[in-house]
C-alpha cells in the first residue's frame, strides 16, 4: 500500500499516528508530495477525485481517502480497537470534533496563504476561531473522561488538532482557561507516535 501524504498535513498526521500505534508503519510506503486547493498534485487528483490528502492506494481494492475512512480501515485491518464497539459513537463524535478544529484551522491558514492581503476576510477568520474555541471549550468541559481513557481514534484526532494549532497558530495560545485539556495534551503529545509524527 502507498500513502499519499505531506508531513505538515494534520489529516495525514492522524493516519501516520495510527500506523505507529497499530504496528503497520513498515507495511505502508509513504509518498511525500505537495498539493493545495489551488494547485492539486496530479497524483492526488488521480487517486482522490476531490484532490485531498491523505489517500491510501491499495493493491487489492479501491483507493481510500478521507482520514476517518483510512484510520477506520487500518484499525480494522489489525483489529486494534481504536473504534471500540462499547462506545463507538462517542469515539466517532470525538474524532469529528478534532477534525472540525483542524478544518477551521486550515481555513485560517488558507485564507492567508491563498488570498492576496487585500482580499483576506477578517470576519471569515473570526468565524473560524469561534468554531475552534467552541470545539476546545467542549473538549475541556465535556470530554475529559473520554480523553483520559484507553487510546482510541478520537484521542488521536484531538491530539493532531492541538498539535496543528501549535504548529500553525502559535501566536494564539489555546491553553488559557482550558487547564484540563492542556494537561492532557502535555502528556499525550509525548507518546512515541506523536513525537515521531510532529510537523517540522
C-alpha atoms as a PDB file:
ATOM      1  CA  UNK A   1       0.000   0.000   0.000  1.00  0.00           C
ATOM      2  CA  UNK A   2       1.019   3.593  -0.602  1.00  0.00           C
ATOM      3  CA  UNK A   3       0.007   6.612   1.456  1.00  0.00           C
ATOM      4  CA  UNK A   4      -0.070   9.874  -0.482  1.00  0.00           C
ATOM      5  CA  UNK A   5       0.974  12.336   2.158  1.00  0.00           C
ATOM      6  CA  UNK A   6       2.564  15.566   3.260  1.00  0.00           C
ATOM      7  CA  UNK A   7       4.124  15.568   6.743  1.00  0.00           C
ATOM      8  CA  UNK A   8       2.727  19.039   7.513  1.00  0.00           C
ATOM      9  CA  UNK A   9      -0.877  17.906   6.970  1.00  0.00           C
ATOM     10  CA  UNK A  10      -2.748  17.265  10.238  1.00  0.00           C
ATOM     11  CA  UNK A  11      -5.037  14.780   8.492  1.00  0.00           C
ATOM     12  CA  UNK A  12      -2.021  12.873   7.233  1.00  0.00           C
ATOM     13  CA  UNK A  13      -0.624  13.001  10.750  1.00  0.00           C
ATOM     14  CA  UNK A  14      -3.718  11.252  12.090  1.00  0.00           C
ATOM     15  CA  UNK A  15      -3.103   8.365   9.707  1.00  0.00           C
ATOM     16  CA  UNK A  16       0.592   8.237  10.494  1.00  0.00           C
ATOM     17  CA  UNK A  17      -0.154   8.102  14.231  1.00  0.00           C
ATOM     18  CA  UNK A  18      -2.489   5.168  13.611  1.00  0.00           C
ATOM     19  CA  UNK A  19       0.216   3.430  11.582  1.00  0.00           C
ATOM     20  CA  UNK A  20       2.597   3.819  14.531  1.00  0.00           C
ATOM     21  CA  UNK A  21       0.071   2.781  17.168  1.00  0.00           C
ATOM     22  CA  UNK A  22      -1.086  -0.311  15.244  1.00  0.00           C
ATOM     23  CA  UNK A  23       2.335  -1.537  14.128  1.00  0.00           C
ATOM     24  CA  UNK A  24       1.729  -1.025  10.410  1.00  0.00           C
ATOM     25  CA  UNK A  25       4.371   1.579   9.672  1.00  0.00           C
ATOM     26  CA  UNK A  26       6.552  -0.839   7.715  1.00  0.00           C
ATOM     27  CA  UNK A  27       3.605  -2.083   5.665  1.00  0.00           C
ATOM     28  CA  UNK A  28       2.749   1.242   4.029  1.00  0.00           C
ATOM     29  CA  UNK A  29       5.026   3.208   1.689  1.00  0.00           C
ATOM     30  CA  UNK A  30       4.681   6.925   2.342  1.00  0.00           C
ATOM     31  CA  UNK A  31       4.835   9.035  -0.807  1.00  0.00           C
ATOM     32  CA  UNK A  32       5.517  12.620   0.198  1.00  0.00           C
ATOM     33  CA  UNK A  33       4.196  15.303  -2.134  1.00  0.00           C
ATOM     34  CA  UNK A  34       2.821  18.823  -2.140  1.00  0.00           C
ATOM     35  CA  UNK A  35      -0.701  19.793  -3.109  1.00  0.00           C
ATOM     36  CA  UNK A  36      -3.155  22.599  -2.392  1.00  0.00           C
ATOM     37  CA  UNK A  37      -6.739  23.566  -3.239  1.00  0.00           C
ATOM     38  CA  UNK A  38      -5.408  25.933  -5.900  1.00  0.00           C
ATOM     39  CA  UNK A  39      -2.777  23.586  -7.346  1.00  0.00           C
ATOM     40  CA  UNK A  40      -3.769  19.942  -6.998  1.00  0.00           C
ATOM     41  CA  UNK A  41      -0.983  17.427  -7.444  1.00  0.00           C
ATOM     42  CA  UNK A  42      -1.821  15.167 -10.453  1.00  0.00           C
ATOM     43  CA  UNK A  43      -1.094  12.005  -8.437  1.00  0.00           C
ATOM     44  CA  UNK A  44      -3.528  13.156  -5.767  1.00  0.00           C
ATOM     45  CA  UNK A  45      -6.203  14.043  -8.334  1.00  0.00           C
ATOM     46  CA  UNK A  46      -5.851  10.607  -9.914  1.00  0.00           C
ATOM     47  CA  UNK A  47      -6.310   8.905  -6.546  1.00  0.00           C
ATOM     48  CA  UNK A  48      -8.955  11.132  -4.954  1.00  0.00           C
ATOM     49  CA  UNK A  49     -11.421  12.965  -7.211  1.00  0.00           C
ATOM     50  CA  UNK A  50     -11.753  15.839  -4.741  1.00  0.00           C
ATOM     51  CA  UNK A  51      -7.973  16.279  -4.705  1.00  0.00           C
ATOM     52  CA  UNK A  52      -7.229  15.937  -0.996  1.00  0.00           C
ATOM     53  CA  UNK A  53      -4.689  14.041   1.062  1.00  0.00           C
ATOM     54  CA  UNK A  54      -4.290  11.601   2.665  1.00  0.00           C
ATOM     55  CA  UNK A  55      -5.133   8.897   0.146  1.00  0.00           C
ATOM     56  CA  UNK A  56      -4.285   5.240   0.679  1.00  0.00           C
ATOM     57  CA  UNK A  57      -3.610   3.386  -2.569  1.00  0.00           C
ATOM     58  CA  UNK A  58      -4.268  -0.343  -2.170  1.00  0.00           C
ATOM     59  CA  UNK A  59      -3.210  -3.164  -4.482  1.00  0.00           C
ATOM     60  CA  UNK A  60      -6.284  -5.257  -3.676  1.00  0.00           C
ATOM     61  CA  UNK A  61      -9.070  -2.691  -3.524  1.00  0.00           C
ATOM     62  CA  UNK A  62     -10.159   0.841  -4.215  1.00  0.00           C
ATOM     63  CA  UNK A  63      -8.062   3.780  -3.086  1.00  0.00           C
ATOM     64  CA  UNK A  64      -9.286   5.063   0.265  1.00  0.00           C
ATOM     65  CA  UNK A  65      -9.441   8.751   1.084  1.00  0.00           C
ATOM     66  CA  UNK A  66     -10.518  10.947   3.984  1.00  0.00           C
ATOM     67  CA  UNK A  67      -8.518  10.389   7.140  1.00  0.00           C
ATOM     68  CA  UNK A  68     -11.517   8.965   9.022  1.00  0.00           C
ATOM     69  CA  UNK A  69     -12.026   6.276   6.378  1.00  0.00           C
ATOM     70  CA  UNK A  70      -8.325   5.397   6.276  1.00  0.00           C
ATOM     71  CA  UNK A  71      -7.976   5.280  10.061  1.00  0.00           C
ATOM     72  CA  UNK A  72     -11.031   3.047  10.339  1.00  0.00           C
ATOM     73  CA  UNK A  73      -9.617   0.717   7.659  1.00  0.00           C
ATOM     74  CA  UNK A  74      -6.196   0.491   9.309  1.00  0.00           C
ATOM     75  CA  UNK A  75      -7.792  -0.176  12.678  1.00  0.00           C
ATOM     76  CA  UNK A  76      -9.981  -2.957  11.248  1.00  0.00           C
ATOM     77  CA  UNK A  77      -7.023  -4.444   9.387  1.00  0.00           C
ATOM     78  CA  UNK A  78      -5.257  -5.154  12.688  1.00  0.00           C
ATOM     79  CA  UNK A  79      -8.305  -5.347  14.962  1.00  0.00           C
ATOM     80  CA  UNK A  80      -6.547  -2.690  17.024  1.00  0.00           C
ATOM     81  CA  UNK A  81      -9.558  -1.448  18.991  1.00  0.00           C
ATOM     82  CA  UNK A  82      -9.302   2.252  18.145  1.00  0.00           C
ATOM     83  CA  UNK A  83     -13.047   2.276  17.436  1.00  0.00           C
ATOM     84  CA  UNK A  84     -14.292   0.206  20.397  1.00  0.00           C
ATOM     85  CA  UNK A  85     -17.813  -1.130  19.999  1.00  0.00           C
ATOM     86  CA  UNK A  86     -18.725  -0.241  23.582  1.00  0.00           C
ATOM     87  CA  UNK A  87     -18.514   3.483  22.839  1.00  0.00           C
ATOM     88  CA  UNK A  88     -18.046   3.761  19.087  1.00  0.00           C
ATOM     89  CA  UNK A  89     -20.448   6.700  18.702  1.00  0.00           C
ATOM     90  CA  UNK A  90     -18.613   8.708  21.341  1.00  0.00           C
ATOM     91  CA  UNK A  91     -15.302   7.878  19.664  1.00  0.00           C
ATOM     92  CA  UNK A  92     -16.589   8.930  16.244  1.00  0.00           C
ATOM     93  CA  UNK A  93     -18.060  12.143  17.646  1.00  0.00           C
ATOM     94  CA  UNK A  94     -14.812  12.987  19.390  1.00  0.00           C
ATOM     95  CA  UNK A  95     -12.929  12.284  16.168  1.00  0.00           C
ATOM     96  CA  UNK A  96     -15.327  14.573  14.294  1.00  0.00           C
ATOM     97  CA  UNK A  97     -14.715  17.309  16.884  1.00  0.00           C
ATOM     98  CA  UNK A  98     -10.960  17.047  16.439  1.00  0.00           C
ATOM     99  CA  UNK A  99     -11.362  17.061  12.664  1.00  0.00           C
ATOM    100  CA  UNK A 100     -13.619  20.111  12.883  1.00  0.00           C
ATOM    101  CA  UNK A 101     -10.956  22.023  14.797  1.00  0.00           C
ATOM    102  CA  UNK A 102      -8.425  21.008  12.140  1.00  0.00           C
ATOM    103  CA  UNK A 103     -10.715  22.116   9.306  1.00  0.00           C
ATOM    104  CA  UNK A 104     -11.273  25.541  10.873  1.00  0.00           C
ATOM    105  CA  UNK A 105      -7.541  25.978  11.474  1.00  0.00           C
ATOM    106  CA  UNK A 106      -6.808  25.001   7.867  1.00  0.00           C
ATOM    107  CA  UNK A 107      -9.373  27.540   6.679  1.00  0.00           C
ATOM    108  CA  UNK A 108      -7.452  30.264   8.511  1.00  0.00           C
ATOM    109  CA  UNK A 109      -4.148  29.082   7.059  1.00  0.00           C
ATOM    110  CA  UNK A 110      -5.547  29.019   3.513  1.00  0.00           C
ATOM    111  CA  UNK A 111      -7.210  32.421   3.927  1.00  0.00           C
ATOM    112  CA  UNK A 112      -3.786  33.968   4.497  1.00  0.00           C
ATOM    113  CA  UNK A 113      -1.840  31.738   2.116  1.00  0.00           C
ATOM    114  CA  UNK A 114      -4.094  31.674  -0.938  1.00  0.00           C
ATOM    115  CA  UNK A 115      -5.548  35.192  -0.961  1.00  0.00           C
ATOM    116  CA  UNK A 116      -3.886  38.494  -1.679  1.00  0.00           C
ATOM    117  CA  UNK A 117      -3.537  40.562   1.514  1.00  0.00           C
ATOM    118  CA  UNK A 118      -6.303  42.956   0.487  1.00  0.00           C
ATOM    119  CA  UNK A 119      -8.664  40.024  -0.047  1.00  0.00           C
ATOM    120  CA  UNK A 120      -8.247  38.434   3.370  1.00  0.00           C
ATOM    121  CA  UNK A 121     -11.524  38.454   5.305  1.00  0.00           C
ATOM    122  CA  UNK A 122     -11.078  39.124   8.999  1.00  0.00           C
ATOM    123  CA  UNK A 123     -14.747  38.252   9.525  1.00  0.00           C
ATOM    124  CA  UNK A 124     -14.117  34.814   7.985  1.00  0.00           C
ATOM    125  CA  UNK A 125     -11.083  34.297  10.196  1.00  0.00           C
ATOM    126  CA  UNK A 126     -13.044  35.341  13.296  1.00  0.00           C
ATOM    127  CA  UNK A 127     -15.775  32.860  12.391  1.00  0.00           C
ATOM    128  CA  UNK A 128     -13.208  30.052  12.149  1.00  0.00           C
ATOM    129  CA  UNK A 129     -11.726  30.976  15.514  1.00  0.00           C
ATOM    130  CA  UNK A 130     -15.217  30.861  17.001  1.00  0.00           C
ATOM    131  CA  UNK A 131     -15.554  27.253  15.780  1.00  0.00           C
ATOM    132  CA  UNK A 132     -12.156  26.375  17.223  1.00  0.00           C
ATOM    133  CA  UNK A 133     -12.931  27.996  20.573  1.00  0.00           C
ATOM    134  CA  UNK A 134     -16.303  26.234  20.853  1.00  0.00           C
ATOM    135  CA  UNK A 135     -14.689  22.906  19.998  1.00  0.00           C
ATOM    136  CA  UNK A 136     -11.894  23.303  22.531  1.00  0.00           C
ATOM    137  CA  UNK A 137     -14.282  24.518  25.227  1.00  0.00           C
ATOM    138  CA  UNK A 138     -16.447  21.442  24.666  1.00  0.00           C
ATOM    139  CA  UNK A 139     -13.432  19.151  24.882  1.00  0.00           C
ATOM    140  CA  UNK A 140     -12.305  20.755  28.138  1.00  0.00           C
ATOM    141  CA  UNK A 141     -15.781  20.763  29.692  1.00  0.00           C
ATOM    142  CA  UNK A 142     -17.341  17.507  28.497  1.00  0.00           C
ATOM    143  CA  UNK A 143     -14.796  15.110  27.046  1.00  0.00           C
ATOM    144  CA  UNK A 144     -12.009  14.789  29.593  1.00  0.00           C
ATOM    145  CA  UNK A 145     -13.134  11.430  30.991  1.00  0.00           C
ATOM    146  CA  UNK A 146     -13.048  10.003  27.471  1.00  0.00           C
ATOM    147  CA  UNK A 147      -9.714  11.638  26.628  1.00  0.00           C
ATOM    148  CA  UNK A 148      -8.216  10.182  29.799  1.00  0.00           C
ATOM    149  CA  UNK A 149      -9.451   6.683  28.952  1.00  0.00           C
ATOM    150  CA  UNK A 150      -7.876   3.975  26.777  1.00  0.00           C
ATOM    151  CA  UNK A 151      -6.403   5.135  23.481  1.00  0.00           C
ATOM    152  CA  UNK A 152      -8.864   5.473  20.619  1.00  0.00           C
ATOM    153  CA  UNK A 153      -9.271   7.305  17.303  1.00  0.00           C
ATOM    154  CA  UNK A 154     -10.991  10.254  18.976  1.00  0.00           C
ATOM    155  CA  UNK A 155      -7.959  10.955  21.126  1.00  0.00           C
ATOM    156  CA  UNK A 156      -5.706  10.713  18.083  1.00  0.00           C
ATOM    157  CA  UNK A 157      -7.806  13.264  16.200  1.00  0.00           C
ATOM    158  CA  UNK A 158      -7.774  15.694  19.127  1.00  0.00           C
ATOM    159  CA  UNK A 159      -4.025  15.252  19.570  1.00  0.00           C
ATOM    160  CA  UNK A 160      -3.451  16.014  15.887  1.00  0.00           C
ATOM    161  CA  UNK A 161      -5.735  19.050  16.086  1.00  0.00           C
ATOM    162  CA  UNK A 162      -3.988  20.575  19.098  1.00  0.00           C
ATOM    163  CA  UNK A 163      -0.597  19.866  17.556  1.00  0.00           C
ATOM    164  CA  UNK A 164      -1.680  21.626  14.371  1.00  0.00           C
ATOM    165  CA  UNK A 165      -2.844  24.677  16.315  1.00  0.00           C
ATOM    166  CA  UNK A 166       0.562  24.875  17.989  1.00  0.00           C
ATOM    167  CA  UNK A 167       2.302  24.404  14.625  1.00  0.00           C
ATOM    168  CA  UNK A 168       0.348  26.922  12.530  1.00  0.00           C
ATOM    169  CA  UNK A 169      -1.083  29.353  15.106  1.00  0.00           C
ATOM    170  CA  UNK A 170       1.481  29.536  17.928  1.00  0.00           C
ATOM    171  CA  UNK A 171       0.778  33.229  18.467  1.00  0.00           C
ATOM    172  CA  UNK A 172      -2.716  32.401  19.735  1.00  0.00           C
ATOM    173  CA  UNK A 173      -2.303  30.122  22.714  1.00  0.00           C
ATOM    174  CA  UNK A 174      -5.359  27.873  23.091  1.00  0.00           C
ATOM    175  CA  UNK A 175      -4.463  26.731  26.640  1.00  0.00           C
ATOM    176  CA  UNK A 176      -5.644  29.571  28.959  1.00  0.00           C
ATOM    177  CA  UNK A 177      -8.937  28.622  30.598  1.00  0.00           C
ATOM    178  CA  UNK A 178      -8.620  25.022  29.431  1.00  0.00           C
ATOM    179  CA  UNK A 179      -6.361  23.590  32.093  1.00  0.00           C
ATOM    180  CA  UNK A 180      -7.674  20.023  31.896  1.00  0.00           C
ATOM    181  CA  UNK A 181      -7.265  19.834  28.124  1.00  0.00           C
ATOM    182  CA  UNK A 182      -3.821  21.437  28.302  1.00  0.00           C
ATOM    183  CA  UNK A 183      -2.684  18.939  30.939  1.00  0.00           C
ATOM    184  CA  UNK A 184      -3.995  16.028  28.887  1.00  0.00           C
ATOM    185  CA  UNK A 185      -2.200  17.235  25.769  1.00  0.00           C
ATOM    186  CA  UNK A 186       1.062  17.797  27.637  1.00  0.00           C
ATOM    187  CA  UNK A 187       1.066  14.072  28.382  1.00  0.00           C
ATOM    188  CA  UNK A 188      -0.452  12.818  25.131  1.00  0.00           C
ATOM    189  CA  UNK A 189       1.984  14.804  22.979  1.00  0.00           C
ATOM    190  CA  UNK A 190       4.856  12.787  24.469  1.00  0.00           C
ATOM    191  CA  UNK A 191       3.607   9.468  23.105  1.00  0.00           C
ATOM    192  CA  UNK A 192       6.224   7.984  20.741  1.00  0.00           C
ATOM    193  CA  UNK A 193       3.713   8.116  17.865  1.00  0.00           C
ATOM    194  CA  UNK A 194       3.121  11.825  18.458  1.00  0.00           C
ATOM    195  CA  UNK A 195       6.811  12.640  18.716  1.00  0.00           C
ATOM    196  CA  UNK A 196       7.598  10.654  15.570  1.00  0.00           C
ATOM    197  CA  UNK A 197       4.926  12.434  13.515  1.00  0.00           C
ATOM    198  CA  UNK A 198       5.357  16.006  14.783  1.00  0.00           C
ATOM    199  CA  UNK A 199       5.365  18.502  11.883  1.00  0.00           C
ATOM    200  CA  UNK A 200       8.572  20.356  11.280  1.00  0.00           C
END
